[in-house]
C-alpha atoms as a PDB file:
ATOM      1  CA  UNK A   1      31.465  15.389   0.325  1.00  0.00           C
ATOM      2  CA  UNK A   2      27.862  16.824  -0.605  1.00  0.00           C
ATOM      3  CA  UNK A   3      27.293  20.160  -1.816  1.00  0.00           C
ATOM      4  CA  UNK A   4      25.280  22.634   0.382  1.00  0.00           C
ATOM      5  CA  UNK A   5      22.800  25.126  -0.757  1.00  0.00           C
ATOM      6  CA  UNK A   6      20.667  27.659   1.044  1.00  0.00           C
ATOM      7  CA  UNK A   7      16.655  27.590   0.791  1.00  0.00           C
ATOM      8  CA  UNK A   8      16.156  31.286   0.458  1.00  0.00           C
ATOM      9  CA  UNK A   9      12.689  31.112   0.862  1.00  0.00           C
ATOM     10  CA  UNK A  10      13.005  30.080   4.576  1.00  0.00           C
ATOM     11  CA  UNK A  11      16.787  31.373   5.579  1.00  0.00           C
ATOM     12  CA  UNK A  12      16.955  34.808   4.191  1.00  0.00           C
ATOM     13  CA  UNK A  13      13.448  36.324   4.626  1.00  0.00           C
ATOM     14  CA  UNK A  14      14.587  39.243   6.261  1.00  0.00           C
ATOM     15  CA  UNK A  15      15.751  40.174   2.682  1.00  0.00           C
ATOM     16  CA  UNK A  16      13.684  41.002  -0.511  1.00  0.00           C
ATOM     17  CA  UNK A  17      13.544  38.065  -2.542  1.00  0.00           C
ATOM     18  CA  UNK A  18      16.132  38.751  -5.252  1.00  0.00           C
ATOM     19  CA  UNK A  19      18.529  40.357  -2.437  1.00  0.00           C
ATOM     20  CA  UNK A  20      18.342  36.714  -0.845  1.00  0.00           C
ATOM     21  CA  UNK A  21      20.490  35.373  -3.690  1.00  0.00           C
ATOM     22  CA  UNK A  22      23.174  38.170  -2.694  1.00  0.00           C
ATOM     23  CA  UNK A  23      23.004  37.257   0.768  1.00  0.00           C
ATOM     24  CA  UNK A  24      23.476  33.634   0.222  1.00  0.00           C
ATOM     25  CA  UNK A  25      26.529  33.995  -2.006  1.00  0.00           C
ATOM     26  CA  UNK A  26      28.129  36.404   0.566  1.00  0.00           C
ATOM     27  CA  UNK A  27      27.846  33.576   3.039  1.00  0.00           C
ATOM     28  CA  UNK A  28      29.605  31.227   0.873  1.00  0.00           C
ATOM     29  CA  UNK A  29      26.630  29.181  -0.668  1.00  0.00           C
ATOM     30  CA  UNK A  30      27.065  28.311  -4.362  1.00  0.00           C
ATOM     31  CA  UNK A  31      23.589  27.074  -4.777  1.00  0.00           C
ATOM     32  CA  UNK A  32      20.075  28.098  -3.645  1.00  0.00           C
ATOM     33  CA  UNK A  33      16.541  26.853  -3.463  1.00  0.00           C
ATOM     34  CA  UNK A  34      13.432  28.905  -3.840  1.00  0.00           C
ATOM     35  CA  UNK A  35      10.302  26.940  -3.514  1.00  0.00           C
ATOM     36  CA  UNK A  36       7.975  29.552  -5.223  1.00  0.00           C
ATOM     37  CA  UNK A  37       9.775  31.848  -7.810  1.00  0.00           C
ATOM     38  CA  UNK A  38       6.778  32.369  -9.979  1.00  0.00           C
ATOM     39  CA  UNK A  39       6.136  36.050  -8.765  1.00  0.00           C
ATOM     40  CA  UNK A  40       9.456  37.253  -9.875  1.00  0.00           C
ATOM     41  CA  UNK A  41      10.677  37.758 -13.782  1.00  0.00           C
ATOM     42  CA  UNK A  42      12.960  34.979 -14.906  1.00  0.00           C
ATOM     43  CA  UNK A  43      15.274  37.367 -16.198  1.00  0.00           C
ATOM     44  CA  UNK A  44      15.599  39.149 -12.922  1.00  0.00           C
ATOM     45  CA  UNK A  45      16.403  35.940 -11.185  1.00  0.00           C
ATOM     46  CA  UNK A  46      18.953  34.682 -13.843  1.00  0.00           C
ATOM     47  CA  UNK A  47      20.646  38.157 -13.294  1.00  0.00           C
ATOM     48  CA  UNK A  48      21.417  37.391  -9.678  1.00  0.00           C
ATOM     49  CA  UNK A  49      22.283  33.875 -10.430  1.00  0.00           C
ATOM     50  CA  UNK A  50      24.977  35.086 -12.862  1.00  0.00           C
ATOM     51  CA  UNK A  51      26.128  38.145 -10.746  1.00  0.00           C
ATOM     52  CA  UNK A  52      26.778  35.639  -7.807  1.00  0.00           C
ATOM     53  CA  UNK A  53      27.707  32.515  -9.820  1.00  0.00           C
ATOM     54  CA  UNK A  54      25.028  30.545  -8.305  1.00  0.00           C
ATOM     55  CA  UNK A  55      23.264  27.309  -9.136  1.00  0.00           C
ATOM     56  CA  UNK A  56      19.235  27.372  -8.871  1.00  0.00           C
ATOM     57  CA  UNK A  57      19.361  23.909  -7.552  1.00  0.00           C
ATOM     58  CA  UNK A  58      15.626  23.493  -6.702  1.00  0.00           C
ATOM     59  CA  UNK A  59      12.065  24.869  -7.276  1.00  0.00           C
ATOM     60  CA  UNK A  60       8.768  23.567  -6.460  1.00  0.00           C
ATOM     61  CA  UNK A  61       5.869  23.073  -8.886  1.00  0.00           C
ATOM     62  CA  UNK A  62       3.113  25.731  -8.399  1.00  0.00           C
ATOM     63  CA  UNK A  63       0.652  23.402  -6.924  1.00  0.00           C
ATOM     64  CA  UNK A  64      -1.723  25.290  -4.984  1.00  0.00           C
ATOM     65  CA  UNK A  65      -5.535  24.869  -5.953  1.00  0.00           C
ATOM     66  CA  UNK A  66      -7.067  28.272  -6.341  1.00  0.00           C
ATOM     67  CA  UNK A  67     -10.449  26.893  -4.873  1.00  0.00           C
ATOM     68  CA  UNK A  68      -8.975  25.252  -1.691  1.00  0.00           C
ATOM     69  CA  UNK A  69      -5.945  27.209  -1.132  1.00  0.00           C
ATOM     70  CA  UNK A  70      -4.203  23.650  -0.479  1.00  0.00           C
ATOM     71  CA  UNK A  71      -1.421  22.588  -2.318  1.00  0.00           C
ATOM     72  CA  UNK A  72      -2.520  19.409  -3.415  1.00  0.00           C
ATOM     73  CA  UNK A  73      -3.170  19.634  -7.254  1.00  0.00           C
ATOM     74  CA  UNK A  74      -1.050  16.696  -8.012  1.00  0.00           C
ATOM     75  CA  UNK A  75      -3.393  14.258  -6.196  1.00  0.00           C
ATOM     76  CA  UNK A  76      -6.828  15.962  -7.422  1.00  0.00           C
ATOM     77  CA  UNK A  77      -8.586  13.582  -9.825  1.00  0.00           C
ATOM     78  CA  UNK A  78     -10.880  16.647 -10.795  1.00  0.00           C
ATOM     79  CA  UNK A  79      -7.984  19.093 -11.525  1.00  0.00           C
ATOM     80  CA  UNK A  80      -5.696  17.304 -13.957  1.00  0.00           C
ATOM     81  CA  UNK A  81      -6.102  20.030 -16.538  1.00  0.00           C
ATOM     82  CA  UNK A  82      -4.903  22.577 -14.139  1.00  0.00           C
ATOM     83  CA  UNK A  83      -2.092  20.571 -12.909  1.00  0.00           C
ATOM     84  CA  UNK A  84      -0.949  20.238 -16.651  1.00  0.00           C
ATOM     85  CA  UNK A  85      -1.170  23.912 -16.885  1.00  0.00           C
ATOM     86  CA  UNK A  86       1.015  24.146 -13.827  1.00  0.00           C
ATOM     87  CA  UNK A  87       3.487  21.889 -15.180  1.00  0.00           C
ATOM     88  CA  UNK A  88       3.819  24.151 -18.279  1.00  0.00           C
ATOM     89  CA  UNK A  89       4.805  27.101 -15.906  1.00  0.00           C
ATOM     90  CA  UNK A  90       7.144  24.942 -13.861  1.00  0.00           C
ATOM     91  CA  UNK A  91       8.711  23.941 -17.173  1.00  0.00           C
ATOM     92  CA  UNK A  92       9.355  27.529 -18.252  1.00  0.00           C
ATOM     93  CA  UNK A  93      10.946  28.338 -14.947  1.00  0.00           C
ATOM     94  CA  UNK A  94      12.967  25.374 -14.648  1.00  0.00           C
ATOM     95  CA  UNK A  95      14.304  26.062 -18.147  1.00  0.00           C
ATOM     96  CA  UNK A  96      14.906  29.453 -17.827  1.00  0.00           C
ATOM     97  CA  UNK A  97      16.654  29.197 -14.658  1.00  0.00           C
ATOM     98  CA  UNK A  98      18.585  26.212 -15.439  1.00  0.00           C
ATOM     99  CA  UNK A  99      17.025  24.360 -12.178  1.00  0.00           C
ATOM    100  CA  UNK A 100      18.559  20.686 -11.287  1.00  0.00           C
ATOM    101  CA  UNK A 101      15.452  19.436  -9.284  1.00  0.00           C
ATOM    102  CA  UNK A 102      11.744  20.169  -9.390  1.00  0.00           C
ATOM    103  CA  UNK A 103       9.470  19.178  -6.392  1.00  0.00           C
ATOM    104  CA  UNK A 104       6.548  17.794  -7.796  1.00  0.00           C
ATOM    105  CA  UNK A 105       4.434  18.401  -4.652  1.00  0.00           C
ATOM    106  CA  UNK A 106       1.745  16.076  -3.059  1.00  0.00           C
ATOM    107  CA  UNK A 107      -0.106  17.829  -0.394  1.00  0.00           C
ATOM    108  CA  UNK A 108      -2.836  16.857   2.104  1.00  0.00           C
ATOM    109  CA  UNK A 109      -5.299  14.313   1.209  1.00  0.00           C
ATOM    110  CA  UNK A 110      -8.704  15.582  -0.047  1.00  0.00           C
ATOM    111  CA  UNK A 111     -12.017  15.020   1.603  1.00  0.00           C
ATOM    112  CA  UNK A 112     -14.420  12.781  -0.077  1.00  0.00           C
ATOM    113  CA  UNK A 113     -11.810  11.235  -2.528  1.00  0.00           C
ATOM    114  CA  UNK A 114     -10.494   7.968  -2.223  1.00  0.00           C
ATOM    115  CA  UNK A 115      -6.803   7.036  -1.359  1.00  0.00           C
ATOM    116  CA  UNK A 116      -6.798   4.774  -4.366  1.00  0.00           C
ATOM    117  CA  UNK A 117      -7.971   7.583  -6.531  1.00  0.00           C
ATOM    118  CA  UNK A 118      -5.598  10.136  -5.143  1.00  0.00           C
ATOM    119  CA  UNK A 119      -2.652   7.712  -5.594  1.00  0.00           C
ATOM    120  CA  UNK A 120      -3.660   6.827  -9.079  1.00  0.00           C
ATOM    121  CA  UNK A 121      -4.265  10.403 -10.020  1.00  0.00           C
ATOM    122  CA  UNK A 122      -0.526  11.273  -8.756  1.00  0.00           C
ATOM    123  CA  UNK A 123       1.069   8.517 -10.486  1.00  0.00           C
ATOM    124  CA  UNK A 124      -0.595   9.463 -13.790  1.00  0.00           C
ATOM    125  CA  UNK A 125       0.267  13.015 -13.382  1.00  0.00           C
ATOM    126  CA  UNK A 126       3.882  12.159 -12.762  1.00  0.00           C
ATOM    127  CA  UNK A 127       3.981   9.740 -15.741  1.00  0.00           C
ATOM    128  CA  UNK A 128       3.053  12.897 -17.754  1.00  0.00           C
ATOM    129  CA  UNK A 129       5.170  15.419 -16.266  1.00  0.00           C
ATOM    130  CA  UNK A 130       8.581  13.334 -15.773  1.00  0.00           C
ATOM    131  CA  UNK A 131       9.528  13.093 -19.474  1.00  0.00           C
ATOM    132  CA  UNK A 132       8.760  16.701 -19.942  1.00  0.00           C
ATOM    133  CA  UNK A 133      11.156  17.606 -17.471  1.00  0.00           C
ATOM    134  CA  UNK A 134      13.687  15.088 -18.760  1.00  0.00           C
ATOM    135  CA  UNK A 135      13.778  17.033 -21.938  1.00  0.00           C
ATOM    136  CA  UNK A 136      15.084  20.278 -20.203  1.00  0.00           C
ATOM    137  CA  UNK A 137      17.649  18.027 -18.010  1.00  0.00           C
ATOM    138  CA  UNK A 138      15.650  18.707 -14.843  1.00  0.00           C
ATOM    139  CA  UNK A 139      14.949  16.023 -12.374  1.00  0.00           C
ATOM    140  CA  UNK A 140      11.363  15.720 -10.918  1.00  0.00           C
ATOM    141  CA  UNK A 141      11.052  14.414  -7.347  1.00  0.00           C
ATOM    142  CA  UNK A 142       8.713  13.738  -4.693  1.00  0.00           C
ATOM    143  CA  UNK A 143       9.062  15.027  -0.969  1.00  0.00           C
ATOM    144  CA  UNK A 144       7.264  12.869   1.742  1.00  0.00           C
ATOM    145  CA  UNK A 145       6.600  15.569   4.432  1.00  0.00           C
ATOM    146  CA  UNK A 146       5.522  14.903   8.399  1.00  0.00           C
ATOM    147  CA  UNK A 147       1.838  14.956   9.426  1.00  0.00           C
ATOM    148  CA  UNK A 148       2.913  16.888  12.403  1.00  0.00           C
ATOM    149  CA  UNK A 149       3.500  20.007  10.726  1.00  0.00           C
ATOM    150  CA  UNK A 150       1.204  19.478   7.673  1.00  0.00           C
ATOM    151  CA  UNK A 151      -1.607  17.157   9.049  1.00  0.00           C
ATOM    152  CA  UNK A 152      -3.048  14.676   6.516  1.00  0.00           C
ATOM    153  CA  UNK A 153      -0.182  15.056   4.130  1.00  0.00           C
ATOM    154  CA  UNK A 154      -0.906  12.168   1.680  1.00  0.00           C
ATOM    155  CA  UNK A 155       2.590  10.578   1.181  1.00  0.00           C
ATOM    156  CA  UNK A 156       4.440  11.162   4.325  1.00  0.00           C
ATOM    157  CA  UNK A 157       7.263   8.290   4.691  1.00  0.00           C
ATOM    158  CA  UNK A 158      10.339   7.546   2.836  1.00  0.00           C
ATOM    159  CA  UNK A 159       8.830   4.115   1.728  1.00  0.00           C
ATOM    160  CA  UNK A 160       5.753   5.871   0.483  1.00  0.00           C
ATOM    161  CA  UNK A 161       7.972   8.139  -1.690  1.00  0.00           C
ATOM    162  CA  UNK A 162       9.719   5.035  -2.805  1.00  0.00           C
ATOM    163  CA  UNK A 163       6.688   3.246  -3.738  1.00  0.00           C
ATOM    164  CA  UNK A 164       5.578   6.378  -5.852  1.00  0.00           C
ATOM    165  CA  UNK A 165       9.014   6.265  -7.571  1.00  0.00           C
ATOM    166  CA  UNK A 166       8.533   2.461  -8.533  1.00  0.00           C
ATOM    167  CA  UNK A 167       5.283   2.989  -9.767  1.00  0.00           C
ATOM    168  CA  UNK A 168       5.951   5.779 -12.035  1.00  0.00           C
ATOM    169  CA  UNK A 169       9.013   3.750 -13.174  1.00  0.00           C
ATOM    170  CA  UNK A 170      10.548   6.770 -15.113  1.00  0.00           C
ATOM    171  CA  UNK A 171      14.463   7.273 -14.809  1.00  0.00           C
ATOM    172  CA  UNK A 172      13.626  11.121 -14.352  1.00  0.00           C
ATOM    173  CA  UNK A 173      11.636  10.790 -11.256  1.00  0.00           C
ATOM    174  CA  UNK A 174      13.368  10.513  -7.965  1.00  0.00           C
ATOM    175  CA  UNK A 175      12.830  10.774  -4.014  1.00  0.00           C
ATOM    176  CA  UNK A 176      13.483  14.234  -2.382  1.00  0.00           C
ATOM    177  CA  UNK A 177      14.692  13.092   1.089  1.00  0.00           C
ATOM    178  CA  UNK A 178      13.961  15.505   3.824  1.00  0.00           C
ATOM    179  CA  UNK A 179      15.959  14.558   7.068  1.00  0.00           C
ATOM    180  CA  UNK A 180      13.752  16.930   9.207  1.00  0.00           C
ATOM    181  CA  UNK A 181      10.478  15.384   8.034  1.00  0.00           C
ATOM    182  CA  UNK A 182      11.832  11.900   8.211  1.00  0.00           C
ATOM    183  CA  UNK A 183      13.134  12.078  11.726  1.00  0.00           C
ATOM    184  CA  UNK A 184       9.790  13.147  12.901  1.00  0.00           C
ATOM    185  CA  UNK A 185       7.783  10.191  10.802  1.00  0.00           C
ATOM    186  CA  UNK A 186      10.270   7.369  11.118  1.00  0.00           C
ATOM    187  CA  UNK A 187      13.671   7.990  12.380  1.00  0.00           C
ATOM    188  CA  UNK A 188      16.296   5.554  11.834  1.00  0.00           C
ATOM    189  CA  UNK A 189      17.798   7.948   9.246  1.00  0.00           C
ATOM    190  CA  UNK A 190      21.061   6.460   8.342  1.00  0.00           C
ATOM    191  CA  UNK A 191      19.724   2.959   7.051  1.00  0.00           C
ATOM    192  CA  UNK A 192      16.895   4.745   5.445  1.00  0.00           C
ATOM    193  CA  UNK A 193      19.186   7.068   3.546  1.00  0.00           C
ATOM    194  CA  UNK A 194      21.558   3.998   2.363  1.00  0.00           C
ATOM    195  CA  UNK A 195      18.232   2.025   1.551  1.00  0.00           C
ATOM    196  CA  UNK A 196      17.159   4.757  -0.758  1.00  0.00           C
ATOM    197  CA  UNK A 197      20.222   5.900  -2.112  1.00  0.00           C
ATOM    198  CA  UNK A 198      19.654   4.791  -5.707  1.00  0.00           C
ATOM    199  CA  UNK A 199      16.702   6.998  -6.078  1.00  0.00           C
ATOM    200  CA  UNK A 200      17.278   9.930  -3.976  1.00  0.00           C
ATOM    201  CA  UNK A 201      17.510  13.148  -6.039  1.00  0.00           C
ATOM    202  CA  UNK A 202      17.989  15.669  -3.399  1.00  0.00           C
ATOM    203  CA  UNK A 203      18.364  15.933   0.317  1.00  0.00           C
ATOM    204  CA  UNK A 204      16.948  18.712   2.515  1.00  0.00           C
ATOM    205  CA  UNK A 205      18.069  19.368   6.291  1.00  0.00           C
ATOM    206  CA  UNK A 206      16.899  21.148   9.536  1.00  0.00           C
ATOM    207  CA  UNK A 207      16.859  20.243  13.037  1.00  0.00           C
ATOM    208  CA  UNK A 208      14.081  19.108  15.210  1.00  0.00           C
ATOM    209  CA  UNK A 209      12.351  20.262  17.342  1.00  0.00           C
ATOM    210  CA  UNK A 210      11.588  23.733  15.929  1.00  0.00           C
ATOM    211  CA  UNK A 211      12.959  23.366  12.347  1.00  0.00           C
ATOM    212  CA  UNK A 212      16.042  25.189  12.909  1.00  0.00           C
ATOM    213  CA  UNK A 213      19.564  25.090  11.946  1.00  0.00           C
ATOM    214  CA  UNK A 214      21.528  21.981  12.341  1.00  0.00           C
ATOM    215  CA  UNK A 215      22.963  21.746  15.925  1.00  0.00           C
ATOM    216  CA  UNK A 216      20.181  23.434  17.749  1.00  0.00           C
ATOM    217  CA  UNK A 217      18.056  19.956  18.252  1.00  0.00           C
ATOM    218  CA  UNK A 218      18.399  16.108  18.526  1.00  0.00           C
ATOM    219  CA  UNK A 219      19.712  15.229  14.919  1.00  0.00           C
ATOM    220  CA  UNK A 220      23.371  14.488  15.076  1.00  0.00           C
ATOM    221  CA  UNK A 221      24.186  16.384  11.721  1.00  0.00           C
ATOM    222  CA  UNK A 222      28.116  15.595  11.742  1.00  0.00           C
ATOM    223  CA  UNK A 223      27.338  11.884  11.708  1.00  0.00           C
ATOM    224  CA  UNK A 224      24.770  12.111   8.908  1.00  0.00           C
ATOM    225  CA  UNK A 225      27.008  14.270   6.634  1.00  0.00           C
ATOM    226  CA  UNK A 226      29.823  11.625   7.419  1.00  0.00           C
ATOM    227  CA  UNK A 227      27.338   8.904   6.400  1.00  0.00           C
ATOM    228  CA  UNK A 228      26.408  10.590   3.264  1.00  0.00           C
ATOM    229  CA  UNK A 229      30.007  10.604   2.290  1.00  0.00           C
ATOM    230  CA  UNK A 230      30.350   6.931   3.403  1.00  0.00           C
ATOM    231  CA  UNK A 231      27.420   5.692   1.397  1.00  0.00           C
ATOM    232  CA  UNK A 232      28.686   7.749  -1.618  1.00  0.00           C
ATOM    233  CA  UNK A 233      25.953  10.667  -1.926  1.00  0.00           C
ATOM    234  CA  UNK A 234      27.645  13.466  -4.057  1.00  0.00           C
ATOM    235  CA  UNK A 235      24.388  15.378  -4.722  1.00  0.00           C
ATOM    236  CA  UNK A 236      23.197  18.691  -3.135  1.00  0.00           C
ATOM    237  CA  UNK A 237      22.093  18.988   0.168  1.00  0.00           C
ATOM    238  CA  UNK A 238      19.582  21.910   0.895  1.00  0.00           C
ATOM    239  CA  UNK A 239      19.457  23.987   4.173  1.00  0.00           C
ATOM    240  CA  UNK A 240      15.678  24.387   4.567  1.00  0.00           C
ATOM    241  CA  UNK A 241      15.023  25.770   8.022  1.00  0.00           C
ATOM    242  CA  UNK A 242      13.726  28.722  10.157  1.00  0.00           C
ATOM    243  CA  UNK A 243      16.654  30.382  11.563  1.00  0.00           C
ATOM    244  CA  UNK A 244      16.332  31.022  15.340  1.00  0.00           C
ATOM    245  CA  UNK A 245      17.750  34.613  14.822  1.00  0.00           C
ATOM    246  CA  UNK A 246      19.142  36.447  11.715  1.00  0.00           C
ATOM    247  CA  UNK A 247      20.297  33.777   9.157  1.00  0.00           C
ATOM    248  CA  UNK A 248      23.900  35.050   9.287  1.00  0.00           C
ATOM    249  CA  UNK A 249      24.116  34.385  12.893  1.00  0.00           C
ATOM    250  CA  UNK A 250      23.350  30.831  12.683  1.00  0.00           C
ATOM    251  CA  UNK A 251      25.626  29.649  10.030  1.00  0.00           C
ATOM    252  CA  UNK A 252      28.539  28.213  12.068  1.00  0.00           C
ATOM    253  CA  UNK A 253      27.364  24.683  11.341  1.00  0.00           C
ATOM    254  CA  UNK A 254      28.074  25.125   7.644  1.00  0.00           C
ATOM    255  CA  UNK A 255      31.238  27.005   7.469  1.00  0.00           C
ATOM    256  CA  UNK A 256      33.547  23.922   7.511  1.00  0.00           C
ATOM    257  CA  UNK A 257      31.758  22.305   4.631  1.00  0.00           C
ATOM    258  CA  UNK A 258      31.756  25.577   2.295  1.00  0.00           C
ATOM    259  CA  UNK A 259      35.445  25.742   2.979  1.00  0.00           C
ATOM    260  CA  UNK A 260      36.409  22.060   2.521  1.00  0.00           C
END
């Protein structure tokens, strides 16, 4: 059975950031995601992780371009020095927090830059970063994201993500498969999950429409969870959704899995 963790950036936003760790643990989660921990001292986060016996499963690289405000440093051929500075920041937090997976970030296509140059820049940047994260035992991953929520997102299908993994060609770089995003972009979830199982480093979930908790939309999550068991996925599954109400009120879907 996959291990379920809470994305506290989304799910517990009614709490202050550090208090979200406590809330996730009270609900029975043993792992958490926090996309952007960089405004919080590492030591303060470690204290909450240890207090609650939690694993910091995932964070994102800090990929926002300060000039444009867009999170696409990884594909910008003019900002590779800044990307490397951000890699150092990501390494510091990943090592300090014992992070298992770091989302490399991709972001929207850049006006005036060719697709070839953006693609080549991304591959070059990840070839640089993946070995560095390997040294600290943290997996680097690519997350394709749907173009309805984020118009123009540069790599937006599981096939595109798999192509990037293949071209980087480093064992420490894998696919972060978000069921919500891929239902919107391509559907046919079970075959895609099975086809990419050998490169999937992490899975995230939400229902659609609305990006709310499983059971509120069109995705048959009991089937998906059983399918992950059938194909032998044993990694983490991150609940990354916007709760319809308070987070605790919408956790009935996960209780059988946390107690099994």
